N, C-alpha and C. Protein backbone atom coordinates (compact mmCIF):
# COMPACT_ATOMS: atom_id res chain seq x y z
N UNK A 1 17.81 5.96 9.65
CA UNK A 1 18.55 5.00 10.06
C UNK A 1 20.22 4.76 9.82
N UNK A 2 20.80 5.70 9.40
CA UNK A 2 22.13 5.72 8.94
C UNK A 2 22.71 5.62 10.36
N UNK A 3 22.00 6.23 11.67
CA UNK A 3 23.08 5.92 12.94
C UNK A 3 23.28 4.54 13.04
N UNK A 4 22.61 3.49 12.43
CA UNK A 4 23.13 1.92 12.39
C UNK A 4 24.16 1.52 12.11
N UNK A 5 24.84 2.37 11.38
CA UNK A 5 26.58 2.31 10.82
C UNK A 5 27.44 2.36 12.23
N UNK A 6 27.01 3.22 13.16
CA UNK A 6 28.00 3.06 13.94
C UNK A 6 27.68 2.39 15.16
N UNK A 7 26.50 1.41 14.82
CA UNK A 7 26.70 -0.07 15.65
C UNK A 7 27.56 -1.00 14.94
N UNK A 8 28.16 -0.74 13.74
CA UNK A 8 28.84 -1.85 13.00
C UNK A 8 27.93 -3.22 12.58
N UNK A 9 28.39 -4.62 12.71
CA UNK A 9 27.86 -5.20 12.20
C UNK A 9 26.81 -5.74 12.98
N UNK A 10 26.16 -5.34 14.17
CA UNK A 10 25.02 -5.34 14.86
C UNK A 10 23.76 -4.17 14.09
N UNK A 11 24.45 -3.00 13.86
CA UNK A 11 23.81 -2.44 13.36
C UNK A 11 23.03 -2.46 11.70
N UNK A 12 23.96 -3.25 11.38
CA UNK A 12 23.90 -3.52 9.86
C UNK A 12 22.58 -4.94 9.65
N UNK A 13 23.12 -5.75 10.64
CA UNK A 13 22.04 -6.79 10.77
C UNK A 13 20.52 -6.40 10.95
N UNK A 14 20.50 -4.88 11.97
CA UNK A 14 19.40 -4.76 12.49
C UNK A 14 18.66 -3.52 11.37
N UNK A 15 19.64 -3.24 10.73
CA UNK A 15 18.93 -2.50 9.36
C UNK A 15 18.47 -2.95 8.56
N UNK A 16 19.30 -4.09 8.28
CA UNK A 16 18.86 -5.17 6.95
C UNK A 16 17.75 -5.69 7.01
N UNK A 17 17.35 -6.30 8.50
CA UNK A 17 16.33 -6.51 8.61
C UNK A 17 15.09 -5.77 8.65
N UNK A 18 15.38 -4.46 9.27
CA UNK A 18 14.26 -3.68 9.52
C UNK A 18 13.78 -3.37 7.92
N UNK A 19 14.80 -3.02 6.93
CA UNK A 19 14.39 -2.62 5.93
C UNK A 19 14.00 -3.61 5.01
N UNK A 20 13.98 -5.18 5.46
CA UNK A 20 13.01 -5.88 4.87
C UNK A 20 11.96 -6.58 5.55
N UNK A 21 11.22 -5.48 6.64
CA UNK A 21 9.90 -5.69 6.88
C UNK A 21 9.25 -4.19 7.05
N UNK A 22 9.09 -3.79 8.10
CA UNK A 22 8.32 -2.41 8.44
C UNK A 22 8.97 -1.08 7.97
N UNK A 23 10.10 -0.93 7.67
CA UNK A 23 10.80 0.29 7.60
C UNK A 23 11.04 0.66 6.07
N UNK A 24 10.88 1.59 5.79
CA UNK A 24 10.96 2.04 4.22
C UNK A 24 12.13 2.62 3.88
N UNK A 25 13.18 2.12 3.69
CA UNK A 25 14.93 1.82 3.83
C UNK A 25 15.72 0.88 3.12
N UNK A 26 16.43 1.56 2.03
CA UNK A 26 17.32 0.27 2.01
C UNK A 26 18.82 0.27 2.72
N UNK A 27 18.95 -1.11 2.22
CA UNK A 27 19.98 -1.52 3.59
C UNK A 27 20.99 -1.45 2.80
N UNK A 28 21.37 -1.26 1.59
CA UNK A 28 22.55 -0.62 0.69
C UNK A 28 23.56 -0.02 1.48
N UNK A 29 23.02 1.52 1.99
CA UNK A 29 23.39 2.29 2.33
C UNK A 29 24.39 1.62 3.38
N UNK A 30 23.99 0.85 4.68
CA UNK A 30 24.66 0.21 5.26
C UNK A 30 25.51 -0.66 4.93
N UNK A 31 25.23 -1.23 4.30
CA UNK A 31 26.13 -2.34 3.65
C UNK A 31 27.69 -1.52 2.98
N UNK A 32 26.93 -0.58 2.14
CA UNK A 32 28.35 0.49 1.69
C UNK A 32 29.23 1.13 2.64
N UNK A 33 28.20 1.48 3.85
CA UNK A 33 28.99 2.02 4.83
C UNK A 33 30.06 1.12 5.80
N UNK A 34 29.23 0.07 5.42
CA UNK A 34 30.03 -1.17 6.38
C UNK A 34 31.72 -1.30 5.59
N UNK A 35 31.29 -1.42 4.33
CA UNK A 35 32.35 -2.13 3.65
C UNK A 35 33.51 -0.70 3.66
N UNK A 36 33.05 0.57 3.56
CA UNK A 36 34.04 1.52 3.24
C UNK A 36 34.68 2.13 4.81
N UNK A 37 33.79 1.36 5.72
CA UNK A 37 34.80 1.46 7.21
C UNK A 37 35.45 -0.13 7.19
N UNK A 38 35.83 -0.92 6.42
CA UNK A 38 36.81 -1.73 6.39
C UNK A 38 36.45 -2.67 7.60
N UNK A 39 35.37 -3.03 7.54
CA UNK A 39 35.10 -4.21 8.40
C UNK A 39 34.82 -5.63 7.54
N UNK A 40 35.12 -6.23 8.28
CA UNK A 40 35.26 -7.74 8.30
C UNK A 40 34.21 -7.91 6.79
N UNK A 41 34.63 -8.33 5.64
CA UNK A 41 33.68 -8.46 4.23
C UNK A 41 32.69 -9.89 4.42
N UNK A 42 33.62 -11.05 4.94
CA UNK A 42 32.85 -11.72 4.99
C UNK A 42 31.50 -11.95 6.08
N UNK A 43 31.99 -11.18 7.14
CA UNK A 43 30.84 -11.13 8.26
C UNK A 43 30.23 -9.92 7.97
N UNK A 44 30.13 -8.82 7.09
CA UNK A 44 29.53 -8.13 5.99
C UNK A 44 28.26 -8.63 5.52
N UNK A 45 28.77 -9.54 4.44
CA UNK A 45 28.12 -10.63 4.20
C UNK A 45 26.98 -11.36 4.56
N UNK A 46 27.77 -12.07 5.77
CA UNK A 46 26.61 -12.91 6.66
C UNK A 46 25.76 -11.89 7.26
N UNK A 47 26.23 -10.81 7.82
CA UNK A 47 25.08 -10.05 8.58
C UNK A 47 24.25 -9.55 7.86
N UNK A 48 24.75 -8.92 6.91
CA UNK A 48 23.58 -8.27 5.87
C UNK A 48 22.43 -9.06 5.27
N UNK A 49 23.29 -10.29 4.69
CA UNK A 49 22.01 -11.37 4.05
C UNK A 49 21.21 -11.83 5.20
N UNK A 50 21.79 -12.46 6.23
CA UNK A 50 20.96 -12.69 7.49
C UNK A 50 19.60 -12.00 7.85
N UNK A 51 20.31 -10.81 8.01
CA UNK A 51 19.40 -9.61 8.53
C UNK A 51 18.22 -9.49 7.13
N UNK A 52 18.55 -9.14 6.09
CA UNK A 52 17.54 -9.35 5.26
C UNK A 52 16.74 -10.29 4.70
N UNK A 53 17.49 -11.42 4.91
CA UNK A 53 16.62 -12.75 4.48
C UNK A 53 15.83 -13.01 5.89
N UNK A 54 15.92 -13.01 6.91
CA UNK A 54 14.97 -13.14 8.20
C UNK A 54 14.06 -11.88 8.18
N UNK A 55 14.00 -10.83 7.58
CA UNK A 55 12.94 -9.51 7.64
C UNK A 55 12.05 -9.99 6.08
N UNK A 56 12.66 -10.63 5.34
CA UNK A 56 11.80 -10.83 4.33
C UNK A 56 10.86 -12.16 4.62
N UNK A 57 11.42 -12.94 5.53
CA UNK A 57 10.74 -14.47 6.17
C UNK A 57 9.80 -13.91 7.23
N UNK A 58 9.76 -12.68 7.68
CA UNK A 58 8.92 -12.25 8.84
C UNK A 58 7.93 -11.68 7.65
N UNK A 59 7.98 -11.08 6.82
CA UNK A 59 7.23 -10.71 5.87
C UNK A 59 6.28 -11.50 5.42
N UNK A 60 7.13 -12.59 4.83
CA UNK A 60 6.23 -13.82 4.29
C UNK A 60 5.46 -14.20 5.23
N UNK A 61 5.76 -14.46 6.57
CA UNK A 61 4.98 -14.93 7.31
C UNK A 61 3.52 -14.09 7.93
N UNK A 62 4.07 -12.80 7.84
CA UNK A 62 2.77 -11.62 8.00
C UNK A 62 1.77 -12.05 6.84
N UNK A 63 2.40 -12.43 5.74
CA UNK A 63 1.04 -12.42 4.47
C UNK A 63 0.57 -13.90 4.86
N UNK A 64 1.10 -14.71 5.48
CA UNK A 64 0.53 -16.29 5.67
C UNK A 64 -0.11 -15.99 6.86
N UNK A 65 0.04 -15.20 8.10
CA UNK A 65 -0.82 -15.52 8.82
C UNK A 65 -1.43 -14.16 9.49
N UNK A 66 -1.43 -12.86 9.36
CA UNK A 66 -1.95 -12.01 9.53
C UNK A 66 -3.22 -11.41 8.99
N UNK A 67 -4.24 -10.75 9.60
CA UNK A 67 -5.33 -10.21 8.98
C UNK A 67 -5.13 -9.30 8.11
N UNK A 68 -5.71 -8.77 6.77
CA UNK A 68 -5.19 -7.81 5.89
C UNK A 68 -5.12 -6.74 6.47
N UNK A 69 -5.89 -6.64 7.30
CA UNK A 69 -6.38 -5.11 7.97
C UNK A 69 -4.95 -4.36 8.69
N UNK A 70 -4.10 -5.61 9.32
CA UNK A 70 -3.05 -5.47 9.75
C UNK A 70 -2.01 -4.99 8.55
N UNK A 71 -1.67 -5.89 7.48
CA UNK A 71 -0.64 -5.56 6.36
C UNK A 71 -1.07 -4.24 5.85
N UNK A 72 -2.43 -3.95 6.01
CA UNK A 72 -2.62 -2.76 5.17
C UNK A 72 -2.30 -1.36 5.83
N UNK A 73 -2.23 -1.71 7.56
CA UNK A 73 -1.95 -0.61 8.32
C UNK A 73 -0.21 -0.71 8.57
N UNK A 74 0.17 -1.52 8.46
CA UNK A 74 1.66 -1.31 8.73
C UNK A 74 2.62 -0.76 7.34
N UNK A 75 2.39 -2.08 6.43
CA UNK A 75 2.78 -1.77 4.92
C UNK A 75 1.85 -0.54 3.81
N UNK A 76 1.03 -0.51 4.47
CA UNK A 76 0.02 0.51 3.30
C UNK A 76 -0.17 -0.11 1.91
N UNK A 77 -0.02 -1.69 1.88
CA UNK A 77 -0.49 -2.19 1.02
C UNK A 77 -1.69 -2.63 0.75
N UNK A 78 -2.43 -2.55 0.03
CA UNK A 78 -4.07 -2.87 -0.59
C UNK A 78 -4.25 -4.58 -0.58
N UNK A 79 -5.11 -4.82 -0.32
CA UNK A 79 -5.08 -6.45 -0.82
C UNK A 79 -5.52 -6.52 -2.15
N UNK A 80 -6.31 -5.85 -2.90
CA UNK A 80 -5.95 -5.14 -4.40
C UNK A 80 -5.04 -5.52 -5.14
N UNK A 81 -3.96 -4.93 -4.65
CA UNK A 81 -2.49 -4.58 -5.15
C UNK A 81 -2.18 -6.26 -5.13
N UNK A 82 -2.18 -6.96 -3.91
CA UNK A 82 -1.81 -8.38 -3.87
C UNK A 82 -2.54 -9.45 -5.10
N UNK A 83 -3.78 -9.07 -4.90
CA UNK A 83 -4.51 -9.73 -5.83
C UNK A 83 -3.92 -9.48 -7.42
N UNK A 84 -3.89 -8.24 -7.95
CA UNK A 84 -3.57 -8.26 -9.02
C UNK A 84 -2.09 -8.47 -9.38
N UNK A 85 -1.13 -9.06 -8.71
CA UNK A 85 -0.08 -9.56 -8.65
C UNK A 85 0.03 -11.58 -8.50
N UNK A 86 -1.41 -11.90 -8.40
CA UNK A 86 -1.27 -13.45 -8.06
C UNK A 86 -1.02 -13.80 -9.39
N UNK A 87 -1.38 -13.84 -10.60
CA UNK A 87 -1.25 -13.85 -11.71
C UNK A 87 0.37 -14.20 -11.78
N UNK A 88 1.24 -13.22 -11.38
CA UNK A 88 2.39 -13.30 -11.19
C UNK A 88 3.01 -14.56 -10.53
N UNK A 89 2.42 -14.39 -9.28
CA UNK A 89 2.91 -15.61 -8.65
C UNK A 89 2.25 -16.60 -8.97
N UNK A 90 1.28 -16.92 -9.41
CA UNK A 90 0.87 -18.08 -9.88
C UNK A 90 1.85 -18.41 -10.98
N UNK A 91 2.49 -18.04 -11.97
CA UNK A 91 3.41 -18.30 -13.06
C UNK A 91 4.64 -18.80 -12.58
N UNK A 92 4.95 -17.66 -11.83
CA UNK A 92 6.85 -17.76 -11.41
C UNK A 92 6.79 -18.86 -10.08
N UNK A 93 5.73 -18.82 -9.12
CA UNK A 93 5.54 -19.55 -7.67
C UNK A 93 7.15 -19.03 -6.69
N UNK A 94 7.52 -19.96 -6.44
CA UNK A 94 8.60 -19.08 -5.33
C UNK A 94 9.81 -18.79 -6.46
N UNK A 95 10.37 -19.02 -7.21
CA UNK A 95 11.54 -18.44 -7.61
C UNK A 95 10.96 -16.68 -7.85
N UNK A 96 10.12 -16.41 -7.79
CA UNK A 96 9.73 -15.03 -7.76
C UNK A 96 10.00 -14.28 -6.31
N UNK A 97 10.24 -14.97 -5.04
CA UNK A 97 11.48 -14.55 -3.91
C UNK A 97 12.51 -14.24 -4.37
N UNK A 98 13.33 -14.47 -5.55
CA UNK A 98 14.55 -14.07 -5.80
C UNK A 98 14.62 -12.54 -5.57
N UNK A 99 13.56 -11.78 -6.13
CA UNK A 99 13.30 -10.99 -6.25
C UNK A 99 12.73 -9.77 -4.94
N UNK A 100 12.79 -10.84 -3.93
CA UNK A 100 12.50 -9.62 -2.70
C UNK A 100 13.01 -8.62 -2.37
N UNK A 101 14.31 -8.85 -2.61
CA UNK A 101 15.56 -7.38 -2.19
C UNK A 101 14.84 -6.41 -3.13
N UNK A 102 14.12 -6.12 -4.14
CA UNK A 102 13.90 -4.78 -5.16
C UNK A 102 13.07 -4.08 -3.92
N UNK A 103 13.61 -2.65 -3.95
CA UNK A 103 12.82 -1.72 -3.32
C UNK A 103 11.21 -1.86 -3.73
N UNK A 104 10.27 -1.41 -2.60
CA UNK A 104 8.82 -1.28 -2.86
C UNK A 104 8.28 -2.75 -3.30
N UNK A 105 8.49 -3.36 -4.61
CA UNK A 105 7.75 -4.48 -4.70
C UNK A 105 8.27 -5.93 -4.34
N UNK A 106 9.52 -5.61 -3.56
CA UNK A 106 10.02 -7.23 -3.03
C UNK A 106 9.20 -7.26 -1.69
N UNK A 107 8.68 -6.21 -0.87
CA UNK A 107 8.11 -6.75 0.07
C UNK A 107 6.63 -7.37 -0.22
N UNK A 108 6.14 -6.36 -1.54
CA UNK A 108 4.64 -7.01 -2.13
C UNK A 108 4.94 -8.52 -2.59
N UNK A 109 5.99 -9.04 -2.66
CA UNK A 109 6.29 -10.39 -3.07
C UNK A 109 6.12 -11.29 -1.91
N UNK A 110 6.90 -10.94 -1.10
CA UNK A 110 7.31 -11.55 -0.05
C UNK A 110 5.75 -11.59 0.86
N UNK A 111 4.73 -10.79 0.75
CA UNK A 111 3.77 -10.64 1.28
C UNK A 111 2.72 -11.50 0.49
N UNK A 112 2.88 -11.43 -1.07
CA UNK A 112 1.91 -11.86 -1.73
C UNK A 112 2.11 -13.76 -1.86
N UNK A 113 3.44 -14.07 -1.49
CA UNK A 113 3.91 -15.73 -1.29
C UNK A 113 3.57 -16.09 -0.09
N UNK A 114 3.57 -15.50 1.15
CA UNK A 114 2.69 -15.70 2.12
C UNK A 114 1.19 -16.06 1.98
N UNK A 115 0.67 -14.72 1.57
CA UNK A 115 -0.80 -14.69 1.33
C UNK A 115 -1.24 -15.68 0.90
N UNK A 116 -0.48 -16.12 -0.47
CA UNK A 116 -1.14 -17.35 -1.29
C UNK A 116 -0.83 -18.55 -0.88
N UNK A 117 0.05 -18.81 0.28
CA UNK A 117 0.45 -20.07 1.04
C UNK A 117 1.61 -20.72 -0.12
N UNK A 118 2.62 -19.99 -0.61
CA UNK A 118 3.52 -20.78 -1.41
C UNK A 118 4.20 -21.41 -0.45
N UNK A 119 4.80 -22.62 -1.18
CA UNK A 119 5.44 -23.64 0.07
C UNK A 119 6.65 -22.61 0.51
N UNK A 120 6.70 -22.63 1.87
CA UNK A 120 7.53 -22.17 2.65
C UNK A 120 9.32 -22.12 2.20
N UNK A 121 9.57 -23.57 2.45
CA UNK A 121 11.12 -23.90 1.99
C UNK A 121 11.83 -23.45 0.76
N UNK A 122 10.94 -23.99 -0.21
CA UNK A 122 11.40 -22.68 -1.74
C UNK A 122 11.59 -21.47 -1.74
N UNK A 123 10.52 -20.88 -1.16
CA UNK A 123 10.33 -19.53 -0.90
C UNK A 123 11.76 -18.86 -0.12
N UNK A 124 11.85 -19.36 1.31
CA UNK A 124 13.19 -18.95 2.08
C UNK A 124 14.52 -19.50 0.97
N UNK A 125 14.82 -20.68 0.66
CA UNK A 125 15.73 -20.43 -0.31
C UNK A 125 16.12 -19.63 -1.10
N UNK A 126 15.06 -19.44 -2.22
CA UNK A 126 14.72 -18.51 -3.43
C UNK A 126 15.23 -17.12 -2.22
N UNK A 127 14.62 -16.71 -1.50
CA UNK A 127 14.89 -15.22 -0.83
C UNK A 127 16.16 -15.20 0.03
N UNK A 128 16.88 -16.23 -0.10
CA UNK A 128 18.24 -16.15 0.77
C UNK A 128 19.03 -15.91 -0.51
N UNK A 129 18.95 -16.82 -1.75
CA UNK A 129 19.79 -16.16 -3.15
C UNK A 129 19.45 -14.92 -3.32
N UNK A 130 18.38 -14.62 -3.51
CA UNK A 130 18.11 -13.13 -3.76
C UNK A 130 18.95 -12.45 -3.23
N UNK A 131 18.87 -12.15 -1.92
CA UNK A 131 19.50 -11.34 -0.63
C UNK A 131 20.87 -11.41 -0.62
N UNK A 132 21.68 -12.87 -0.72
CA UNK A 132 22.79 -12.94 -0.90
C UNK A 132 23.64 -12.40 -1.85
N UNK A 133 22.92 -12.72 -3.18
CA UNK A 133 23.50 -11.72 -4.44
C UNK A 133 23.56 -10.64 -4.38
N UNK A 134 22.50 -9.54 -3.70
CA UNK A 134 22.53 -8.39 -3.69
C UNK A 134 23.61 -7.82 -3.01
N UNK A 135 24.23 -8.52 -1.61
CA UNK A 135 25.14 -8.06 -0.93
C UNK A 135 26.43 -8.57 -1.58
N UNK A 136 26.51 -9.47 -2.57
CA UNK A 136 27.66 -9.88 -3.24
C UNK A 136 27.99 -8.98 -4.20
N UNK A 137 26.61 -8.26 -4.89
CA UNK A 137 26.89 -7.27 -5.27
C UNK A 137 28.01 -5.91 -5.14
N UNK A 138 27.44 -5.56 -3.84
CA UNK A 138 28.12 -4.37 -3.07
C UNK A 138 29.58 -5.04 -3.06
N UNK A 139 29.67 -6.23 -2.41
CA UNK A 139 31.29 -6.48 -2.02
C UNK A 139 32.02 -6.66 -3.50
N UNK A 140 31.56 -7.17 -4.84
CA UNK A 140 32.44 -7.07 -5.84
C UNK A 140 32.47 -5.69 -6.38
N UNK A 141 31.47 -4.78 -6.34
CA UNK A 141 32.27 -3.60 -6.70
C UNK A 141 33.16 -3.18 -5.87
N UNK A 142 32.75 -3.43 -4.51
CA UNK A 142 34.29 -2.68 -3.86
C UNK A 142 35.79 -3.17 -4.28
N UNK A 143 35.31 -5.14 -3.98
CA UNK A 143 36.88 -5.02 -4.60
C UNK A 143 37.16 -4.89 -5.95
N UNK A 144 36.33 -4.37 -6.98
CA UNK A 144 36.64 -4.19 -8.16
C UNK A 144 37.20 -2.36 -8.22
N UNK A 145 36.89 -1.96 -7.74
CA UNK A 145 37.36 -0.62 -7.23
C UNK A 145 37.57 0.10 -6.16
N UNK A 146 37.76 -0.83 -5.04
CA UNK A 146 38.42 0.16 -4.05
C UNK A 146 37.49 0.70 -3.42
N UNK A 147 38.29 2.17 -2.76
CA UNK A 147 37.86 2.96 -2.06
C UNK A 147 37.26 4.15 -2.64
N UNK A 148 37.33 3.89 -3.97
CA UNK A 148 36.80 4.82 -5.25
C UNK A 148 35.32 4.70 -4.97
N UNK A 149 34.61 3.63 -4.22
CA UNK A 149 33.16 3.37 -4.35
C UNK A 149 32.52 4.70 -3.65
N UNK A 150 33.53 5.15 -2.61
CA UNK A 150 32.82 6.36 -1.80
C UNK A 150 32.86 7.41 -2.75
N UNK A 151 33.81 7.94 -3.86
CA UNK A 151 33.80 8.94 -4.72
C UNK A 151 32.61 8.74 -5.51
N UNK A 152 31.91 7.76 -6.08
CA UNK A 152 30.95 7.33 -6.76
C UNK A 152 29.63 7.65 -6.16
N UNK A 153 29.32 7.62 -5.05
CA UNK A 153 28.07 7.52 -4.02
C UNK A 153 27.99 8.88 -3.91
């Protein structure tokens, strides 16, 4: 998916969306690439956050509406794994969506929240906050260290 970096902000949006749905990829690489390419930081924030947020919302609705056979086929997530996390979802509810950005388990949270029909609006808000903080983290690192960020990676 690194070819998306050549598409600029549109590639960032598409990559962020896909990485939050069916493609096992971290959009962090695209965020960093667009930052280092000196694209507009506020637009990077908007494109990466909205793309990733919409991807997680799509994943939430997959859990909400789809048959488990489809989820197992697309995400390779067994129903038992989501049921195992039911206690966490019941305990924490919508705030667990703050962690939808995490690799691997983030999709489980989004699907689980949908599967257990947790109220959409709070899930959407918490998901947005978590996704926004993730992008802000990379922008803040860049603002603190500048182009040295590329040396560290």
